[in-house]
C-alpha cells in the first residue's frame, strides 16, 4: 500500500488539512458511509500501512475479498479529491460570487443577481489586480449581466461589447505569458518551442494594449529580455517595473516573474559578467521580503545557496548573516541543517574564520551530491589558506576517489577535476619562478569550466 495514490495524498496533508478533511468526510452532504471515515482515520495513524491490517481494521476477522478494500479506498480517494477541489474553490471568493450570480440569473431572481453584480463590480474596480484572472472575471461578470439584460432589452449590447474587450485582454495576457515561458525553454534547452502567432501577438500587444494595460507592458519587457538577452535595456526596464510592484499581479504570477528575472541574471553570471551579482541581489532582497521567492512558504535550497553566493560576492556580509539565520526555517526540513551549516561556513570563510569553517563542515551530513562537492571544495580552499598541506593532499586524494565513484556528474565532474588538478599545481609551484607563476596564471585564466577561477588567480597575486 506504500505506493497507493490514496496513501500519497493523505501523506501530503498537513495536520490542519487532516482535521478539515475528517470534518468533510463526516458531513452527510458529502458522505454517509462510516467505514470510509474509519479507513481515513486508520491511514492517518499508520506509518507503514499494510493491506491485511487495513482489512482487519474494517472487517474484523471476517474473510473478505481484496476488492472490498479497494472499493472503499477508491471511494475515500474520490471524496478526498473533492475536498481538495472544494478547498480551492472556497479560497477564491470572487469566483464563488460569480457562480452565485450565475445561479441567481438562471433562476430569474433579478434583484438578488443585481445585488451580487454590484458587489462584484465594486470588488473588481477597487482591487489593484490587473492580471489575466482579473480580466477573466470582468469578462464573466459582463457576460452574466448581458445574459440577463438581453432578455429585457435585446438591442442593449453594452455589456456584450465590454465582455468582448475583457476577453481580448485576458487572452492576450495569457498568450503573452505562454510565449514568455516557451521563450525560456528555447533559451535553456535549445528546443523548437516556437509559439503560433508569436510575432502577431507581440505586434498587437505593442500597438494596441501596452499603453492601456501595465501588465501587458510588463510581459512585453519580459519577452524582450528573454528574446534579446544581449540587449540589457530590456532587462533593466523589466526589473524596474517588477520592483515597483504596484499589486497588479497575483502572488503566484509575481513568483514566476521574479524567477525569470533572477534566472536572466544567473545566465549573465555564467558568462562571466560579475556585475550581475549586484543586479541579482537587488532582486533577491525584495523578492524575499515580499515572499515571492518562496513556494508555499518554502524557500528552495538552491535559491538559499544562490542568495548567499550573491551576497558574498557583493561584500554584503552582515545582510548575508541575517539572511542565513532568518530564512533557515523556511527550508525543507530534510535539507535544513546541511544548507544552514554549509552557507554559514561560506560566510565564515569570507571572514577568514577558518577554524569556524572546519567546525561547521564537519558537523553536517551532506546528502546532495552537488552540495557535497561544493563542501569538499570549500574544505580544500580552507586547508590551503591554513597552509595545512598534508591535510590538503589527503583531502585531494579523497576528493578524487569520490568523483571517480560518481559517474553521472557530467559538467560538474570536469569542473571538480580541474579544481583538483590546479590545486596540485599550486602546491607544487615555485612562487619564486616568475615565468612558472605566469604560465600557471595564463592556464587558469583560459580554463573552462573552473568555477573557482577567481580564487586560484588570487593565490597567484
Protein backbone atom coordinates (compact mmCIF):
# COMPACT_ATOMS: atom_id res chain seq x y z
CA UNK A 1 0.00 0.00 0.00
CA UNK A 2 3.09 2.18 0.18
CA UNK A 3 2.69 3.35 -3.43
CA UNK A 4 -1.08 3.80 -3.46
CA UNK A 5 -2.28 7.21 -4.60
CA UNK A 6 -4.60 7.37 -1.59
CA UNK A 7 -1.72 6.97 0.85
CA UNK A 8 0.41 9.52 -1.01
CA UNK A 9 -2.46 12.03 -0.93
CA UNK A 10 -3.08 11.63 2.80
CA UNK A 11 0.67 11.91 3.50
CA UNK A 12 0.69 15.23 1.64
CA UNK A 13 -1.94 16.70 4.01
CA UNK A 14 -0.84 18.95 6.84
CA UNK A 15 -2.20 18.27 10.33
CA UNK A 16 -4.76 21.06 9.86
CA UNK A 17 -5.84 19.63 6.49
CA UNK A 18 -6.33 16.19 8.03
CA UNK A 19 -8.68 17.73 10.61
CA UNK A 20 -10.55 19.61 7.87
CA UNK A 21 -10.77 16.53 5.66
CA UNK A 22 -12.25 14.48 8.51
CA UNK A 23 -14.97 17.08 9.05
CA UNK A 24 -15.63 16.99 5.32
CA UNK A 25 -15.98 13.19 5.41
CA UNK A 26 -18.35 13.39 8.39
CA UNK A 27 -20.68 15.79 6.57
CA UNK A 28 -23.78 13.87 5.38
CA UNK A 29 -23.99 16.22 2.38
CA UNK A 30 -20.80 14.68 1.01
CA UNK A 31 -20.60 11.24 2.64
CA UNK A 32 -22.90 8.86 4.52
CA UNK A 33 -20.52 5.92 4.86
CA UNK A 34 -18.97 5.43 8.30
CA UNK A 35 -16.45 2.85 7.10
CA UNK A 36 -14.83 5.46 4.84
CA UNK A 37 -14.21 7.72 7.86
CA UNK A 38 -12.75 4.73 9.73
CA UNK A 39 -10.45 3.96 6.81
CA UNK A 40 -9.26 7.58 6.71
CA UNK A 41 -8.51 7.55 10.45
CA UNK A 42 -6.58 4.30 10.04
CA UNK A 43 -4.42 5.69 7.21
CA UNK A 44 -3.67 8.83 9.24
CA UNK A 45 -2.46 6.70 12.15
CA UNK A 46 -0.21 4.35 10.16
CA UNK A 47 3.41 5.00 9.26
CA UNK A 48 3.65 1.89 7.07
CA UNK A 49 0.11 0.75 6.19
CA UNK A 50 -0.32 -2.90 5.24
CA UNK A 51 -3.27 -4.38 3.35
CA UNK A 52 -4.00 -7.17 5.83
CA UNK A 53 -4.09 -4.73 8.74
CA UNK A 54 -6.48 -2.45 6.83
CA UNK A 55 -8.87 -5.34 6.16
CA UNK A 56 -8.81 -6.41 9.82
CA UNK A 57 -9.46 -2.82 10.90
CA UNK A 58 -12.55 -2.54 8.67
CA UNK A 59 -13.95 -6.06 8.69
CA UNK A 60 -12.52 -7.72 11.78
CA UNK A 61 -11.68 -11.40 11.28
CA UNK A 62 -14.38 -11.84 8.65
CA UNK A 63 -12.81 -13.16 5.40
CA UNK A 64 -13.35 -10.63 2.62
CA UNK A 65 -12.04 -10.26 -0.89
CA UNK A 66 -9.37 -7.64 -1.61
CA UNK A 67 -11.86 -5.99 -3.95
CA UNK A 68 -13.95 -4.87 -0.94
CA UNK A 69 -10.99 -2.95 0.45
CA UNK A 70 -10.12 -1.49 -2.96
CA UNK A 71 -13.68 -0.21 -3.42
CA UNK A 72 -13.58 1.64 -0.09
CA UNK A 73 -10.14 3.04 -0.84
CA UNK A 74 -11.37 4.27 -4.24
CA UNK A 75 -14.42 5.92 -2.65
CA UNK A 76 -12.29 7.59 0.03
CA UNK A 77 -9.83 8.80 -2.60
CA UNK A 78 -12.61 10.41 -4.65
CA UNK A 79 -14.01 12.12 -1.56
CA UNK A 80 -10.60 13.49 -0.60
CA UNK A 81 -10.10 14.79 -4.13
CA UNK A 82 -13.48 16.51 -3.83
CA UNK A 83 -12.33 18.00 -0.51
CA UNK A 84 -9.25 19.44 -2.22
CA UNK A 85 -11.35 20.90 -5.07
CA UNK A 86 -13.81 22.37 -2.56
CA UNK A 87 -10.96 23.91 -0.58
CA UNK A 88 -9.53 25.53 -3.71
CA UNK A 89 -12.92 26.91 -4.78
CA UNK A 90 -13.71 28.35 -1.36
CA UNK A 91 -10.35 30.13 -1.29
CA UNK A 92 -11.47 32.20 -4.30
CA UNK A 93 -14.26 34.46 -3.05
CA UNK A 94 -14.65 36.30 -6.37
CA UNK A 95 -15.14 33.06 -8.31
CA UNK A 96 -17.69 31.90 -5.72
CA UNK A 97 -19.70 35.09 -6.11
CA UNK A 98 -19.60 34.77 -9.91
CA UNK A 99 -21.05 31.27 -9.56
CA UNK A 100 -23.69 32.70 -7.24
CA UNK A 101 -24.57 35.43 -9.75
CA UNK A 102 -24.98 32.80 -12.48
CA UNK A 103 -27.20 30.71 -10.23
CA UNK A 104 -29.47 33.70 -9.49
CA UNK A 105 -29.63 34.56 -13.21
CA UNK A 106 -30.65 31.05 -14.21
CA UNK A 107 -33.42 31.14 -11.61
CA UNK A 108 -34.68 34.50 -12.85
CA UNK A 109 -34.00 36.21 -9.50
CA UNK A 110 -33.08 39.61 -10.90
CA UNK A 111 -32.95 41.64 -7.60
CA UNK A 112 -30.63 39.07 -5.99
CA UNK A 113 -28.50 38.96 -9.15
CA UNK A 114 -28.20 42.74 -9.18
CA UNK A 115 -27.07 42.80 -5.54
CA UNK A 116 -24.28 40.31 -6.24
CA UNK A 117 -23.37 42.04 -9.52
CA UNK A 118 -22.89 45.43 -7.84
CA UNK A 119 -20.79 43.85 -5.12
CA UNK A 120 -18.59 42.14 -7.70
CA UNK A 121 -18.31 45.28 -9.80
CA UNK A 122 -17.08 47.22 -6.78
CA UNK A 123 -14.60 44.48 -5.81
CA UNK A 124 -13.08 44.37 -9.29
CA UNK A 125 -12.93 48.16 -9.61
CA UNK A 126 -11.22 48.73 -6.25
CA UNK A 127 -8.77 45.81 -6.48
CA UNK A 128 -5.25 46.65 -7.63
CA UNK A 129 -5.06 43.35 -9.51
CA UNK A 130 -4.97 43.66 -13.27
CA UNK A 131 -3.68 40.21 -14.17
CA UNK A 132 -5.16 37.61 -16.51
CA UNK A 133 -7.64 36.36 -13.94
CA UNK A 134 -8.92 39.88 -13.25
CA UNK A 135 -9.86 40.31 -16.91
CA UNK A 136 -11.38 36.81 -16.99
CA UNK A 137 -13.57 37.81 -14.04
CA UNK A 138 -14.53 41.03 -15.80
CA UNK A 139 -15.49 39.02 -18.87
CA UNK A 140 -17.62 36.58 -16.86
CA UNK A 141 -19.41 39.37 -14.97
CA UNK A 142 -20.23 41.27 -18.18
CA UNK A 143 -21.33 38.03 -19.83
CA UNK A 144 -23.69 37.12 -16.97
CA UNK A 145 -25.10 40.67 -16.97
CA UNK A 146 -25.66 40.55 -20.74
CA UNK A 147 -27.43 37.19 -20.43
CA UNK A 148 -29.97 38.75 -18.07
CA UNK A 149 -30.31 42.21 -19.65
CA UNK A 150 -30.63 40.84 -23.19
CA UNK A 151 -33.95 39.18 -22.35
CA UNK A 152 -35.32 42.58 -21.30
CA UNK A 153 -33.73 44.76 -23.97
CA UNK A 154 -32.36 42.82 -26.98
CA UNK A 155 -30.88 45.99 -28.52
CA UNK A 156 -28.67 46.75 -25.48
CA UNK A 157 -25.18 45.49 -26.33
CA UNK A 158 -23.04 47.45 -23.87
CA UNK A 159 -22.23 44.50 -21.63
CA UNK A 160 -21.63 42.20 -24.59
CA UNK A 161 -19.10 44.67 -26.02
CA UNK A 162 -17.46 45.05 -22.59
CA UNK A 163 -17.29 41.25 -22.27
CA UNK A 164 -15.58 41.08 -25.66
CA UNK A 165 -12.96 43.68 -24.67
CA UNK A 166 -12.22 41.90 -21.38
CA UNK A 167 -11.93 38.56 -23.17
CA UNK A 168 -9.48 40.08 -25.64
CA UNK A 169 -7.22 41.39 -22.87
CA UNK A 170 -7.45 38.15 -20.87
CA UNK A 171 -6.49 36.10 -23.93
CA UNK A 172 -3.69 38.49 -24.86
CA UNK A 173 -2.14 38.34 -21.40
CA UNK A 174 -2.46 34.58 -21.20
CA UNK A 175 -0.85 34.24 -24.62
CA UNK A 176 2.00 36.61 -23.67
CA UNK A 177 2.68 34.60 -20.53
CA UNK A 178 2.85 31.37 -22.54
CA UNK A 179 5.08 32.98 -25.18
CA UNK A 180 7.48 34.05 -22.40
CA UNK A 181 7.51 30.54 -20.97
CA UNK A 182 8.17 29.00 -24.38
CA UNK A 183 10.95 31.52 -24.97
CA UNK A 184 12.58 30.42 -21.69
CA UNK A 185 12.52 26.81 -22.86
CA UNK A 186 14.03 27.80 -26.20
CA UNK A 187 16.84 29.60 -24.39
CA UNK A 188 17.58 26.93 -21.80
CA UNK A 189 17.13 23.73 -23.74
CA UNK A 190 17.72 24.70 -27.40
CA UNK A 191 14.48 23.03 -28.45
CA UNK A 192 11.90 24.04 -31.03
CA UNK A 193 9.39 25.70 -28.70
CA UNK A 194 8.04 28.33 -31.06
CA UNK A 195 4.57 29.71 -30.40
CA UNK A 196 1.95 30.04 -33.16
CA UNK A 197 1.21 33.69 -33.91
CA UNK A 198 4.10 34.87 -31.69
CA UNK A 199 5.05 37.79 -33.93
CA UNK A 200 1.40 38.81 -34.42
CA UNK A 201 0.60 38.68 -30.70
CA UNK A 202 3.69 40.73 -29.80
CA UNK A 203 2.94 43.30 -32.51
CA UNK A 204 -0.70 43.63 -31.42
CA UNK A 205 0.29 44.00 -27.77
CA UNK A 206 2.85 46.69 -28.61
CA UNK A 207 0.49 48.68 -30.84
CA UNK A 208 -2.87 48.37 -29.06
CA UNK A 209 -2.55 47.22 -25.45
CA UNK A 210 0.74 48.08 -23.73
CA UNK A 211 -0.12 51.74 -23.17
CA UNK A 212 -3.53 50.91 -21.64
CA UNK A 213 -2.63 47.83 -19.60
CA UNK A 214 0.52 47.94 -17.42
CA UNK A 215 0.51 44.15 -17.03
CA UNK A 216 0.83 43.77 -20.81
CA UNK A 217 3.81 46.16 -20.76
CA UNK A 218 5.49 44.05 -18.07
CA UNK A 219 5.15 40.88 -20.16
CA UNK A 220 6.43 42.64 -23.26
CA UNK A 221 9.61 43.74 -21.46
CA UNK A 222 9.94 40.23 -20.04
CA UNK A 223 9.64 38.74 -23.53
CA UNK A 224 12.23 41.14 -24.98
CA UNK A 225 14.61 40.38 -22.08
CA UNK A 226 14.43 36.66 -22.90
CA UNK A 227 14.34 37.01 -26.68
CA UNK A 228 17.21 39.51 -26.90
CA UNK A 229 19.31 38.82 -23.77
CA UNK A 230 22.33 40.72 -25.13
CA UNK A 231 20.32 43.99 -25.06
CA UNK A 232 20.46 44.81 -21.35
CA UNK A 233 17.99 47.69 -21.57
CA UNK A 234 15.12 45.18 -21.78
CA UNK A 235 16.19 43.59 -18.50
CA UNK A 236 16.54 46.97 -16.82
CA UNK A 237 13.06 48.04 -17.91
CA UNK A 238 11.56 44.73 -16.80
CA UNK A 239 13.37 44.89 -13.45
CA UNK A 240 12.23 48.50 -12.91
CA UNK A 241 8.58 47.59 -13.43
CA UNK A 242 8.92 44.46 -11.30
CA UNK A 243 10.41 46.33 -8.34
CA UNK A 244 7.69 48.96 -8.49
CA UNK A 245 5.28 46.15 -7.53
CA UNK A 246 2.02 48.11 -7.68
CA UNK A 247 -0.01 44.98 -6.99
CA UNK A 248 -1.35 44.28 -10.49
CA UNK A 249 -0.24 40.62 -10.41
CA UNK A 250 -1.21 37.79 -8.07
CA UNK A 251 1.43 36.37 -5.73
CA UNK A 252 1.77 33.25 -7.90
CA UNK A 253 2.34 35.29 -11.04
CA UNK A 254 4.85 37.57 -9.28
CA UNK A 255 6.74 34.46 -8.19
CA UNK A 256 7.14 33.43 -11.83
CA UNK A 257 8.20 36.91 -12.95
CA UNK A 258 10.84 37.19 -10.22
CA UNK A 259 12.21 33.75 -11.06
CA UNK A 260 12.54 34.75 -14.73
CA UNK A 261 14.40 37.93 -13.80
CA UNK A 262 16.71 36.05 -11.40
CA UNK A 263 17.42 33.36 -14.00
CA UNK A 264 18.35 36.02 -16.54
CA UNK A 265 20.95 37.38 -14.09
CA UNK A 266 22.29 33.88 -13.42
CA UNK A 267 22.73 33.26 -17.14
CA UNK A 268 24.70 36.51 -17.42
CA UNK A 269 26.79 35.49 -14.40
CA UNK A 270 27.53 32.16 -16.06
CA UNK A 271 29.10 34.08 -18.95
CA UNK A 272 31.48 35.80 -16.52
CA UNK A 273 29.66 39.14 -16.06
CA UNK A 274 30.25 39.55 -12.32
CA UNK A 275 28.43 42.87 -12.09
CA UNK A 276 25.22 40.86 -12.25
CA UNK A 277 25.79 39.75 -8.64
CA UNK A 278 24.67 43.25 -7.69
CA UNK A 279 21.68 43.06 -10.05
CA UNK A 280 20.50 39.70 -8.74
CA UNK A 281 20.93 40.85 -5.12
CA UNK A 282 18.63 43.77 -5.87
CA UNK A 283 16.03 41.21 -6.94
CA UNK A 284 16.60 38.73 -4.12
CA UNK A 285 16.04 41.17 -1.27
CA UNK A 286 12.55 42.46 -2.24
CA UNK A 287 11.65 39.02 -3.59
CA UNK A 288 12.34 37.51 -0.17
CA UNK A 289 10.72 40.30 1.85
CA UNK A 290 7.51 40.03 -0.17
CA UNK A 291 7.55 36.22 -0.10
CA UNK A 292 7.53 35.99 -3.91
CA UNK A 293 10.61 33.74 -3.97
CA UNK A 294 9.05 31.25 -1.58
CA UNK A 295 6.91 28.36 -2.81
CA UNK A 296 4.02 27.66 -0.42
CA UNK A 297 6.09 29.15 2.37
CA UNK A 298 9.17 27.08 1.49
CA UNK A 299 12.41 28.57 0.16
CA UNK A 300 14.07 26.16 -2.32
CA UNK A 301 17.50 25.20 -1.02
CA UNK A 302 19.22 26.15 -4.28
CA UNK A 303 17.74 29.66 -4.01
CA UNK A 304 19.13 29.75 -0.44
CA UNK A 305 22.59 28.85 -1.79
CA UNK A 306 22.36 31.38 -4.63
CA UNK A 307 21.29 34.25 -2.35
CA UNK A 308 24.30 33.63 -0.12
CA UNK A 309 26.62 33.43 -3.14
CA UNK A 310 25.38 36.78 -4.45
CA UNK A 311 25.70 38.47 -1.06
CA UNK A 312 29.24 37.18 -0.57
CA UNK A 313 30.25 38.45 -3.99
CA UNK A 314 28.88 41.94 -3.31
CA UNK A 315 30.54 42.01 0.12
CA UNK A 316 27.25 42.49 1.99
CA UNK A 317 28.32 40.13 4.78
CA UNK A 318 26.08 41.48 7.53
CA UNK A 319 22.99 41.02 5.37
CA UNK A 320 24.17 37.53 4.39
CA UNK A 321 24.40 36.58 8.07
CA UNK A 322 20.89 37.97 8.68
CA UNK A 323 19.55 36.03 5.70
CA UNK A 324 21.16 32.72 6.68
CA UNK A 325 19.54 32.78 10.13
CA UNK A 326 16.27 34.48 9.14
CA UNK A 327 15.37 32.02 6.38
CA UNK A 328 16.78 28.82 7.86
CA UNK A 329 13.36 27.57 8.98
CA UNK A 330 11.78 28.20 5.58
CA UNK A 331 13.94 25.42 4.09
CA UNK A 332 12.66 21.87 3.63
CA UNK A 333 13.30 20.00 6.87
CA UNK A 334 15.45 17.28 5.29
CA UNK A 335 17.90 19.84 3.88
CA UNK A 336 17.67 22.49 6.60
CA UNK A 337 20.66 21.75 8.79
CA UNK A 338 23.05 20.88 5.94
CA UNK A 339 22.13 24.00 3.92
CA UNK A 340 22.39 26.18 7.03
CA UNK A 341 25.81 24.88 8.12
CA UNK A 342 27.24 24.93 4.58
CA UNK A 343 26.22 28.53 3.94
CA UNK A 344 27.32 29.69 7.37
CA UNK A 345 30.68 28.07 6.60
CA UNK A 346 30.86 30.04 3.32
CA UNK A 347 30.26 33.24 5.29
CA UNK A 348 32.94 32.36 7.85
CA UNK A 349 35.38 31.61 5.01
CA UNK A 350 34.72 35.08 3.59
CA UNK A 351 35.51 36.48 7.06
CA UNK A 352 38.70 34.38 7.18
CA UNK A 353 37.46 32.50 10.26
CA UNK A 354 38.91 29.22 9.03
CA UNK A 355 38.56 27.32 12.30
CA UNK A 356 34.83 28.03 12.29
CA UNK A 357 34.64 26.77 8.71
CA UNK A 358 36.15 23.42 9.70
CA UNK A 359 33.81 23.06 12.70
CA UNK A 360 30.70 23.77 10.62
CA UNK A 361 31.59 21.48 7.71
CA UNK A 362 32.42 18.54 9.96
CA UNK A 363 29.05 18.63 11.74
CA UNK A 364 26.61 18.30 8.86
CA UNK A 365 25.61 15.38 6.64
CA UNK A 366 25.62 16.49 3.01
CA UNK A 367 23.47 14.01 1.06
CA UNK A 368 23.07 16.15 -2.03
CA UNK A 369 25.95 15.32 -4.39
CA UNK A 370 26.44 18.86 -5.70
CA UNK A 371 26.40 20.39 -2.21
CA UNK A 372 28.79 17.65 -1.13
CA UNK A 373 31.18 18.65 -3.91
CA UNK A 374 30.85 22.33 -3.00
CA UNK A 375 31.61 21.43 0.61
CA UNK A 376 34.71 19.49 -0.41
CA UNK A 377 35.85 22.45 -2.50
CA UNK A 378 35.37 24.82 0.44
CA UNK A 379 37.38 22.46 2.67
CA UNK A 380 40.11 22.38 0.01
CA UNK A 381 40.35 26.18 0.00
CA UNK A 382 40.32 26.29 3.81
CA UNK A 383 43.20 23.79 4.14
CA UNK A 384 45.19 25.80 1.59
CA UNK A 385 44.57 29.08 3.42
CA UNK A 386 45.72 27.41 6.68
CA UNK A 387 48.88 26.06 4.97
CA UNK A 388 47.76 22.58 6.08
CA UNK A 389 49.39 20.97 3.06
CA UNK A 390 49.42 17.39 4.38
CA UNK A 391 45.70 17.55 5.18
CA UNK A 392 45.08 19.16 1.82
CA UNK A 393 46.90 16.41 -0.10
CA UNK A 394 44.90 13.72 1.71
CA UNK A 395 41.73 15.67 1.01
CA UNK A 396 42.58 15.92 -2.70
CA UNK A 397 43.08 12.15 -2.88
CA UNK A 398 39.75 11.51 -1.14
CA UNK A 399 38.00 14.00 -3.40
CA UNK A 400 39.47 12.32 -6.48
CA UNK A 401 38.18 8.94 -5.29
CA UNK A 402 34.72 10.37 -4.56
CA UNK A 403 34.45 11.83 -8.06
CA UNK A 404 35.62 8.56 -9.60
CA UNK A 405 32.74 6.74 -7.90
CA UNK A 406 30.16 9.30 -9.12
CA UNK A 407 29.93 8.60 -12.83
CA UNK A 408 26.89 10.78 -13.55
CA UNK A 409 28.28 14.20 -12.64
CA UNK A 410 28.90 15.32 -16.23
CA UNK A 411 29.86 19.01 -16.39
CA UNK A 412 30.36 19.15 -12.60
CA UNK A 413 32.80 16.24 -12.79
CA UNK A 414 35.02 18.14 -15.25
CA UNK A 415 34.91 21.26 -13.09
CA UNK A 416 35.90 19.38 -9.92
CA UNK A 417 38.70 17.52 -11.64
CA UNK A 418 40.04 20.87 -12.85
CA UNK A 419 39.91 22.21 -9.28
CA UNK A 420 41.88 19.20 -8.02
CA UNK A 421 44.42 19.47 -10.84
CA UNK A 422 45.11 23.19 -10.35
CA UNK A 423 45.30 22.83 -6.59
CA UNK A 424 48.00 20.23 -7.12
CA UNK A 425 49.83 22.66 -9.41
CA UNK A 426 49.56 25.38 -6.74
CA UNK A 427 51.09 23.06 -4.13
CA UNK A 428 53.97 22.18 -6.46
CA UNK A 429 54.57 25.73 -7.71
CA UNK A 430 57.82 27.57 -7.02
CA UNK A 431 56.47 31.07 -6.40
CA UNK A 432 60.00 32.48 -6.92
CA UNK A 433 59.87 31.33 -10.54
CA UNK A 434 58.03 34.26 -12.14
CA UNK A 435 57.78 32.52 -15.50
CA UNK A 436 56.17 29.42 -13.96
CA UNK A 437 53.75 31.60 -12.00
CA UNK A 438 52.73 33.46 -15.16
CA UNK A 439 52.30 30.24 -17.12
CA UNK A 440 50.01 28.83 -14.42
CA UNK A 441 48.08 32.10 -14.25
CA UNK A 442 47.51 32.02 -18.03
CA UNK A 443 46.41 28.37 -17.95
CA UNK A 444 43.91 29.04 -15.13
CA UNK A 445 42.54 32.14 -16.88
CA UNK A 446 41.85 30.13 -20.04
CA UNK A 447 40.45 27.02 -18.31
CA UNK A 448 36.74 26.24 -18.67
CA UNK A 449 34.94 25.06 -16.66
CA UNK A 450 36.64 26.27 -13.48
CA UNK A 451 34.18 27.82 -11.04
CA UNK A 452 36.87 28.76 -8.51
CA UNK A 453 38.91 30.62 -11.12
CA UNK A 454 38.92 33.92 -9.19
CA UNK A 455 40.20 32.20 -6.03
CA UNK A 456 43.02 30.45 -7.92
CA UNK A 457 44.07 33.68 -9.60
CA UNK A 458 44.01 35.48 -6.24
CA UNK A 459 46.53 32.94 -4.86
CA UNK A 460 48.92 33.86 -7.67
CA UNK A 461 48.83 37.54 -6.82
